[in-house]
Amino acid sequence: QHAFHHLEKHMQETPTAYIMWRFAGNDDRESLEFKTDELSVDEEKARSQKWCIDSVTGNVRRCTDPKEDAKKAKQDEAGAVIPDAIVNRRQKKKEKTFEYEVKWQFKSMDSNTWVEKDTLVKMGYLKLVQREDERQAAMAGLMTKQLTQPGVEKHLADFGVDAESASHTQINQLSGGMKVKVVLAAAMWQNPHVLILDEPTNYLDREGLGALILAIKDYKGGVLIISHNKEFCDNVATEKWIMKGGMLRIEGESVDTSKDDAGASAGPDEVFDGAGNKIEVKKSVTMTEKDKKKAIKDIEKKIKDGKKKQTLTDEEVWELEDKLNELKESLNK
């Protein structure tokens, strides 16, 4: 509905220049504008406590209470640290969690320390953690994209914006429909998992509307749409929440989970959720001891090859390891 809000400050620029500015450094600058610097009550309370780096273990911990040990408390406070920024993230394989490389205020990069997520949250710096998680996710999604003029032109072309309009025409000279296409292209630059569209049909001609319908149907992520265009909604929505006269009505099929366990294995091989995503139904299958041993070998090989060739994400590795442990446990029973 307010699609052009993102473009208001960039009317004298080309669409290519706008996208290159917006996503420089793998951050979405438009998103950062909405991230408030104001602290919540919990964050203020957490940050009021002082933390230091333990001289023995090297871990970050709370400063000693003066009531417990005045001398140690004074030493801790002299070496108190405050996060300035998070510059990297790495996985702790055994715990299946992440820790973050923290740059401390008034200290050089040589003094950076790896700190666990739980500790940073307790310190009151959840927003810094979320910012780094978003940056890492964006980097993973942009492995096949280059933030260069040819790369951006190619991306814009996928949304119906030709090279002439992309790199040689100022945004203020574009039609309303073309501006919507630029906004949609920018929203999809970081390959988001969920897309929220507020009145996306505004300014789009029939051809553009048809292309948007096909794109939404083909999109593998989740889509939430707010629209008054009934024809458009009927074409793309598998589940509709309709607000009328102060009453909310829900239309759309839901998965039937009321069947008893005895008949569960005879159900469908796949079902669809409210967003139209296919969900494979995992039916219970009795495996022989020989089948289990073969499955264990296959999974172990897949994990080993995946780590060596770096073809698996952390989540995929964790999922395979869980399956492996389940099979081993069932084999030992």
Protein backbone atom coordinates (compact mmCIF):
# COMPACT_ATOMS: atom_id res chain seq x y z
CA GLN A 1 0.00 0.00 0.00
CA HIS A 2 2.88 2.34 0.80
CA ALA A 3 5.28 0.69 -1.62
CA PHE A 4 6.82 3.96 -2.74
CA HIS A 5 7.87 4.86 0.81
CA HIS A 6 11.13 2.99 0.15
CA LEU A 7 11.81 5.02 -2.97
CA GLU A 8 10.98 8.53 -1.72
CA LYS A 9 14.59 9.40 -0.82
CA HIS A 10 15.98 7.95 -4.06
CA MET A 11 13.85 9.54 -6.79
CA GLN A 12 16.92 11.07 -8.48
CA GLU A 13 18.71 7.69 -8.66
CA THR A 14 18.31 4.74 -11.02
CA PRO A 15 16.77 1.47 -9.75
CA THR A 16 20.20 -0.21 -10.02
CA ALA A 17 21.88 2.49 -7.94
CA TYR A 18 19.08 2.27 -5.35
CA ILE A 19 19.46 -1.50 -4.88
CA MET A 20 23.27 -1.25 -4.76
CA TRP A 21 22.97 1.42 -2.04
CA ARG A 22 20.31 -0.47 -0.09
CA PHE A 23 22.20 -3.78 0.15
CA ALA A 24 25.81 -2.61 0.38
CA GLY A 25 27.69 -4.67 2.96
CA ASN A 26 25.05 -7.47 2.95
CA ASP A 27 22.77 -5.38 5.17
CA ASP A 28 19.32 -4.13 4.20
CA ARG A 29 19.56 -0.43 5.03
CA GLU A 30 15.79 0.00 4.75
CA SER A 31 15.35 -2.66 7.42
CA LEU A 32 17.96 -1.06 9.68
CA GLU A 33 15.98 2.21 9.64
CA PHE A 34 13.17 0.45 11.48
CA LYS A 35 15.44 -1.12 14.11
CA THR A 36 15.08 1.18 17.05
CA ASP A 37 18.03 2.05 19.24
CA GLU A 38 15.68 2.45 22.19
CA LEU A 39 16.12 -0.25 24.82
CA SER A 40 13.31 -2.24 26.39
CA VAL A 41 12.97 -2.34 30.18
CA ASP A 42 14.56 -5.81 30.27
CA GLU A 43 17.49 -4.68 28.09
CA GLU A 44 18.15 -1.63 30.26
CA LYS A 45 18.11 -3.78 33.39
CA ALA A 46 20.46 -6.35 31.82
CA ARG A 47 22.92 -3.70 30.60
CA SER A 48 23.02 -2.04 34.02
CA GLN A 49 24.97 -5.07 35.27
CA LYS A 50 28.71 -5.06 34.64
CA TRP A 51 30.53 -7.90 32.88
CA CYS A 52 34.22 -8.75 32.56
CA ILE A 53 36.50 -11.31 30.93
CA ASP A 54 37.71 -13.93 33.42
CA SER A 55 41.51 -13.82 33.59
CA VAL A 56 41.72 -17.59 34.11
CA THR A 57 39.12 -19.10 31.76
CA GLY A 58 38.90 -16.26 29.22
CA ASN A 59 35.10 -16.47 29.37
CA VAL A 60 32.83 -13.48 29.82
CA ARG A 61 31.12 -13.39 33.23
CA ARG A 62 29.36 -10.99 35.56
CA CYS A 63 31.58 -8.82 37.73
CA THR A 64 31.88 -10.01 41.31
CA ASP A 65 29.47 -8.44 43.80
CA PRO A 66 31.37 -6.07 46.17
CA LYS A 67 29.44 -7.60 49.07
CA GLU A 68 30.96 -11.00 48.30
CA ASP A 69 34.56 -9.94 47.64
CA ALA A 70 35.33 -6.20 47.56
CA LYS A 71 38.89 -6.63 46.28
CA LYS A 72 37.95 -8.97 43.43
CA ALA A 73 34.94 -6.80 42.57
CA LYS A 74 37.23 -3.79 42.16
CA GLN A 75 39.57 -5.76 39.86
CA ASP A 76 36.62 -7.01 37.79
CA GLU A 77 35.13 -3.53 37.37
CA ALA A 78 38.51 -2.17 36.28
CA GLY A 79 38.43 -4.69 33.41
CA ALA A 80 34.70 -4.40 32.64
CA VAL A 81 33.75 -4.83 28.97
CA ILE A 82 30.86 -3.51 26.86
CA PRO A 83 30.02 -4.93 23.40
CA ASP A 84 30.56 -2.49 20.56
CA ALA A 85 29.69 -4.79 17.67
CA ILE A 86 29.46 -8.43 16.59
CA VAL A 87 31.74 -9.11 13.65
CA ASN A 88 31.42 -12.85 13.05
CA ARG A 89 29.67 -16.08 14.04
CA ARG A 90 30.75 -19.71 14.29
CA GLN A 91 29.10 -23.00 15.18
CA LYS A 92 29.69 -24.97 18.37
CA LYS A 93 29.24 -28.46 16.91
CA LYS A 94 28.69 -30.46 20.09
CA GLU A 95 26.12 -28.10 21.58
CA LYS A 96 24.56 -27.31 18.17
CA THR A 97 24.60 -23.61 19.04
CA PHE A 98 26.48 -20.54 17.84
CA GLU A 99 28.97 -18.22 19.46
CA TYR A 100 29.79 -14.70 18.30
CA GLU A 101 33.01 -12.73 17.86
CA VAL A 102 32.54 -9.53 19.85
CA LYS A 103 34.39 -6.26 19.32
CA TRP A 104 34.56 -4.44 22.69
CA GLN A 105 34.18 -0.69 23.20
CA PHE A 106 37.48 1.21 23.40
CA LYS A 107 39.47 -1.95 22.58
CA SER A 108 41.25 -2.97 19.38
CA MET A 109 40.16 -5.86 17.16
CA ASP A 110 43.01 -7.91 18.67
CA SER A 111 41.02 -7.99 21.91
CA ASN A 112 37.95 -9.56 20.28
CA THR A 113 36.42 -12.49 22.16
CA TRP A 114 34.11 -15.35 21.18
CA VAL A 115 30.98 -15.20 23.37
CA GLU A 116 28.04 -17.63 23.56
CA LYS A 117 24.60 -16.44 22.49
CA ASP A 118 23.04 -17.03 25.93
CA THR A 119 25.67 -14.81 27.55
CA LEU A 120 25.09 -11.97 25.08
CA VAL A 121 21.33 -12.18 25.64
CA LYS A 122 21.87 -12.03 29.42
CA MET A 123 24.07 -8.97 28.87
CA GLY A 124 21.15 -7.29 27.06
CA TYR A 125 22.47 -7.48 23.49
CA LEU A 126 19.92 -9.71 21.76
CA LYS A 127 19.52 -7.13 18.96
CA LEU A 128 23.23 -7.38 18.10
CA VAL A 129 22.89 -11.17 17.90
CA GLN A 130 19.82 -10.92 15.67
CA ARG A 131 21.59 -8.42 13.41
CA GLU A 132 24.51 -10.82 12.90
CA ASP A 133 22.15 -13.77 12.31
CA GLU A 134 20.37 -11.72 9.63
CA ARG A 135 23.69 -10.77 8.05
CA GLN A 136 24.83 -14.41 7.94
CA ALA A 137 21.49 -15.52 6.47
CA ALA A 138 21.72 -12.81 3.82
CA MET A 139 25.26 -13.87 2.91
CA ALA A 140 24.13 -17.48 2.53
CA GLY A 141 21.26 -16.43 0.28
CA LEU A 142 23.45 -14.21 -1.88
CA MET A 143 26.06 -16.81 -2.81
CA THR A 144 24.79 -16.81 -6.40
CA LYS A 145 24.29 -13.02 -6.67
CA GLN A 146 26.78 -10.23 -7.21
CA LEU A 147 25.99 -6.67 -6.09
CA THR A 148 27.31 -5.24 -9.36
CA GLN A 149 25.54 -3.36 -12.14
CA PRO A 150 25.24 -6.47 -14.39
CA GLY A 151 24.11 -8.58 -11.39
CA VAL A 152 21.45 -6.09 -10.33
CA GLU A 153 20.29 -5.55 -13.93
CA LYS A 154 19.82 -9.32 -14.32
CA HIS A 155 17.81 -9.45 -11.06
CA LEU A 156 15.61 -6.51 -12.12
CA ALA A 157 15.06 -8.11 -15.52
CA ASP A 158 13.46 -11.09 -13.74
CA PHE A 159 10.83 -8.63 -12.46
CA GLY A 160 10.12 -7.05 -15.84
CA VAL A 161 12.44 -4.04 -15.52
CA ASP A 162 14.53 -3.70 -18.69
CA ALA A 163 18.20 -2.66 -18.61
CA GLU A 164 17.44 0.84 -19.96
CA SER A 165 14.97 1.52 -17.13
CA ALA A 166 17.22 -0.19 -14.57
CA SER A 167 20.46 1.73 -15.15
CA HIS A 168 19.68 4.73 -17.32
CA THR A 169 16.35 6.06 -16.02
CA GLN A 170 15.76 7.91 -12.76
CA ILE A 171 13.12 6.40 -10.49
CA ASN A 172 10.98 9.58 -10.64
CA GLN A 173 10.60 9.06 -14.40
CA LEU A 174 9.25 5.51 -14.06
CA SER A 175 5.55 4.64 -14.21
CA GLY A 176 3.70 3.54 -11.06
CA GLY A 177 3.70 -0.09 -12.20
CA MET A 178 7.44 -0.03 -12.91
CA LYS A 179 8.12 1.43 -9.46
CA VAL A 180 6.16 -1.44 -7.87
CA LYS A 181 8.33 -3.90 -9.80
CA VAL A 182 11.47 -2.17 -8.49
CA VAL A 183 10.17 -2.42 -4.90
CA LEU A 184 9.30 -6.12 -5.36
CA ALA A 185 12.73 -6.82 -6.87
CA ALA A 186 14.43 -5.09 -3.93
CA ALA A 187 12.31 -7.05 -1.43
CA MET A 188 13.45 -10.32 -3.04
CA TRP A 189 17.16 -9.46 -3.33
CA GLN A 190 18.13 -11.32 -0.14
CA ASN A 191 16.05 -14.43 -0.96
CA PRO A 192 13.68 -14.14 2.03
CA HIS A 193 11.91 -17.20 3.45
CA VAL A 194 8.69 -15.25 4.10
CA LEU A 195 7.23 -12.48 1.95
CA ILE A 196 4.58 -10.05 3.27
CA LEU A 197 2.77 -8.02 0.60
CA ASP A 198 0.41 -5.13 1.48
CA GLU A 199 -1.88 -4.30 -1.47
CA PRO A 200 0.65 -5.53 -4.08
CA THR A 201 -1.80 -5.12 -6.97
CA ASN A 202 -1.79 -1.30 -6.79
CA TYR A 203 -0.45 0.28 -10.03
CA LEU A 204 0.16 -3.09 -11.74
CA ASP A 205 -1.36 -3.58 -15.19
CA ARG A 206 -3.06 -6.86 -16.15
CA GLU A 207 0.17 -8.33 -17.55
CA GLY A 208 2.11 -7.42 -14.41
CA LEU A 209 -0.68 -8.79 -12.22
CA GLY A 210 -0.66 -12.09 -14.10
CA ALA A 211 3.11 -12.36 -13.72
CA LEU A 212 2.84 -11.67 -9.97
CA ILE A 213 0.20 -14.41 -9.57
CA LEU A 214 2.40 -16.96 -11.35
CA ALA A 215 5.46 -15.88 -9.32
CA ILE A 216 3.63 -16.25 -5.99
CA LYS A 217 2.38 -19.71 -6.97
CA ASP A 218 5.93 -20.75 -7.88
CA TYR A 219 7.54 -19.18 -4.78
CA LYS A 220 8.79 -21.85 -2.35
CA GLY A 221 8.59 -19.70 0.79
CA GLY A 222 5.63 -18.50 2.80
CA VAL A 223 3.48 -15.63 1.51
CA LEU A 224 1.17 -13.37 3.52
CA ILE A 225 -0.97 -10.98 1.47
CA ILE A 226 -3.21 -8.08 2.51
CA SER A 227 -5.48 -7.15 -0.37
CA HIS A 228 -8.96 -5.93 -1.31
CA ASN A 229 -8.63 -7.47 -4.80
CA LYS A 230 -10.89 -10.56 -4.58
CA GLU A 231 -9.92 -11.89 -8.02
CA PHE A 232 -6.23 -11.71 -7.11
CA CYS A 233 -6.76 -13.40 -3.73
CA ASP A 234 -8.86 -16.18 -5.25
CA ASN A 235 -5.99 -16.93 -7.65
CA VAL A 236 -3.16 -17.13 -5.11
CA ALA A 237 -4.55 -17.83 -1.62
CA THR A 238 -5.10 -21.35 -0.30
CA GLU A 239 -6.35 -19.98 3.02
CA LYS A 240 -8.17 -16.66 3.41
CA TRP A 241 -8.92 -14.68 6.58
CA ILE A 242 -11.74 -12.25 5.76
CA MET A 243 -12.59 -9.34 8.08
CA LYS A 244 -16.06 -7.90 7.50
CA GLY A 245 -18.33 -5.96 9.84
CA GLY A 246 -16.04 -6.58 12.79
CA MET A 247 -16.22 -10.36 12.28
CA LEU A 248 -13.35 -12.58 11.13
CA ARG A 249 -14.17 -15.46 8.80
CA ILE A 250 -11.65 -18.07 7.68
CA GLU A 251 -11.95 -19.82 4.33
CA GLY A 252 -9.71 -22.63 3.12
CA GLU A 253 -9.03 -26.28 3.74
CA SER A 254 -7.05 -27.47 6.74
CA VAL A 255 -5.26 -30.77 7.24
CA ASP A 256 -7.49 -33.41 8.88
CA THR A 257 -5.62 -34.79 11.92
CA SER A 258 -8.65 -36.41 13.59
CA LYS A 259 -8.00 -39.92 12.24
CA ASP A 260 -7.00 -42.58 14.71
CA ASP A 261 -3.51 -44.03 14.79
CA ALA A 262 -4.62 -47.33 13.26
CA GLY A 263 -5.64 -45.63 10.03
CA ALA A 264 -2.87 -43.04 9.98
CA SER A 265 -0.52 -45.09 7.85
CA ALA A 266 -3.19 -45.37 5.16
CA GLY A 267 -3.40 -41.56 4.76
CA PRO A 268 -2.14 -39.49 1.84
CA ASP A 269 1.54 -39.36 0.89
CA GLU A 270 1.52 -35.56 0.95
CA VAL A 271 -0.65 -32.71 2.21
CA PHE A 272 -0.57 -28.94 1.78
CA ASP A 273 -0.39 -26.31 4.52
CA GLY A 274 -2.21 -22.94 4.54
CA ALA A 275 0.52 -21.34 2.40
CA GLY A 276 0.24 -24.02 -0.26
CA ASN A 277 3.54 -25.64 0.69
CA LYS A 278 3.78 -29.39 0.19
CA ILE A 279 4.34 -31.43 3.34
CA GLU A 280 5.50 -35.01 2.99
CA VAL A 281 3.75 -37.38 5.39
CA LYS A 282 6.23 -39.59 7.22
CA LYS A 283 4.50 -42.93 7.73
CA SER A 284 5.69 -45.40 10.30
CA VAL A 285 7.63 -48.22 8.65
CA THR A 286 9.04 -51.21 10.52
CA MET A 287 12.72 -51.61 9.65
CA THR A 288 14.65 -54.83 10.01
CA GLU A 289 18.01 -54.86 11.80
CA LYS A 290 19.72 -55.21 8.42
CA ASP A 291 17.83 -52.17 7.06
CA LYS A 292 18.83 -50.10 10.10
CA LYS A 293 22.55 -50.97 9.73
CA LYS A 294 22.43 -50.05 6.04
CA ALA A 295 20.65 -46.77 6.82
CA ILE A 296 23.26 -45.92 9.47
CA LYS A 297 26.10 -46.48 6.98
CA ASP A 298 24.32 -44.36 4.33
CA ILE A 299 23.72 -41.46 6.73
CA GLU A 300 27.29 -41.56 8.09
CA LYS A 301 28.63 -41.44 4.51
CA LYS A 302 26.29 -38.58 3.62
CA ILE A 303 27.39 -36.56 6.66
CA LYS A 304 31.08 -37.23 5.97
CA ASP A 305 30.81 -36.28 2.28
CA GLY A 306 28.64 -33.24 3.08
CA LYS A 307 31.13 -31.85 5.59
CA LYS A 308 34.09 -32.53 3.31
CA LYS A 309 32.51 -30.94 0.24
CA GLN A 310 30.55 -28.35 2.28
CA THR A 311 27.31 -29.21 0.48
CA LEU A 312 25.16 -29.43 3.63
CA THR A 313 23.91 -26.60 5.83
CA ASP A 314 24.33 -26.78 9.62
CA GLU A 315 20.61 -27.53 10.00
CA GLU A 316 20.81 -30.43 7.49
CA VAL A 317 23.81 -31.90 9.32
CA TRP A 318 22.01 -31.64 12.67
CA GLU A 319 18.91 -33.32 11.21
CA LEU A 320 20.98 -36.19 9.80
CA GLU A 321 22.83 -36.61 13.11
CA ASP A 322 19.49 -36.82 14.95
CA LYS A 323 18.29 -39.52 12.54
CA LEU A 324 21.58 -41.36 13.01
CA ASN A 325 21.25 -41.32 16.81
CA GLU A 326 17.64 -42.54 16.61
CA LEU A 327 18.66 -45.48 14.41
CA LYS A 328 21.58 -46.40 16.69
CA GLU A 329 19.36 -46.26 19.78
CA SER A 330 16.69 -48.45 18.19
CA LEU A 331 19.38 -50.91 17.11
CA ASN A 332 20.71 -51.25 20.66
CA LYS A 333 17.27 -52.02 22.14
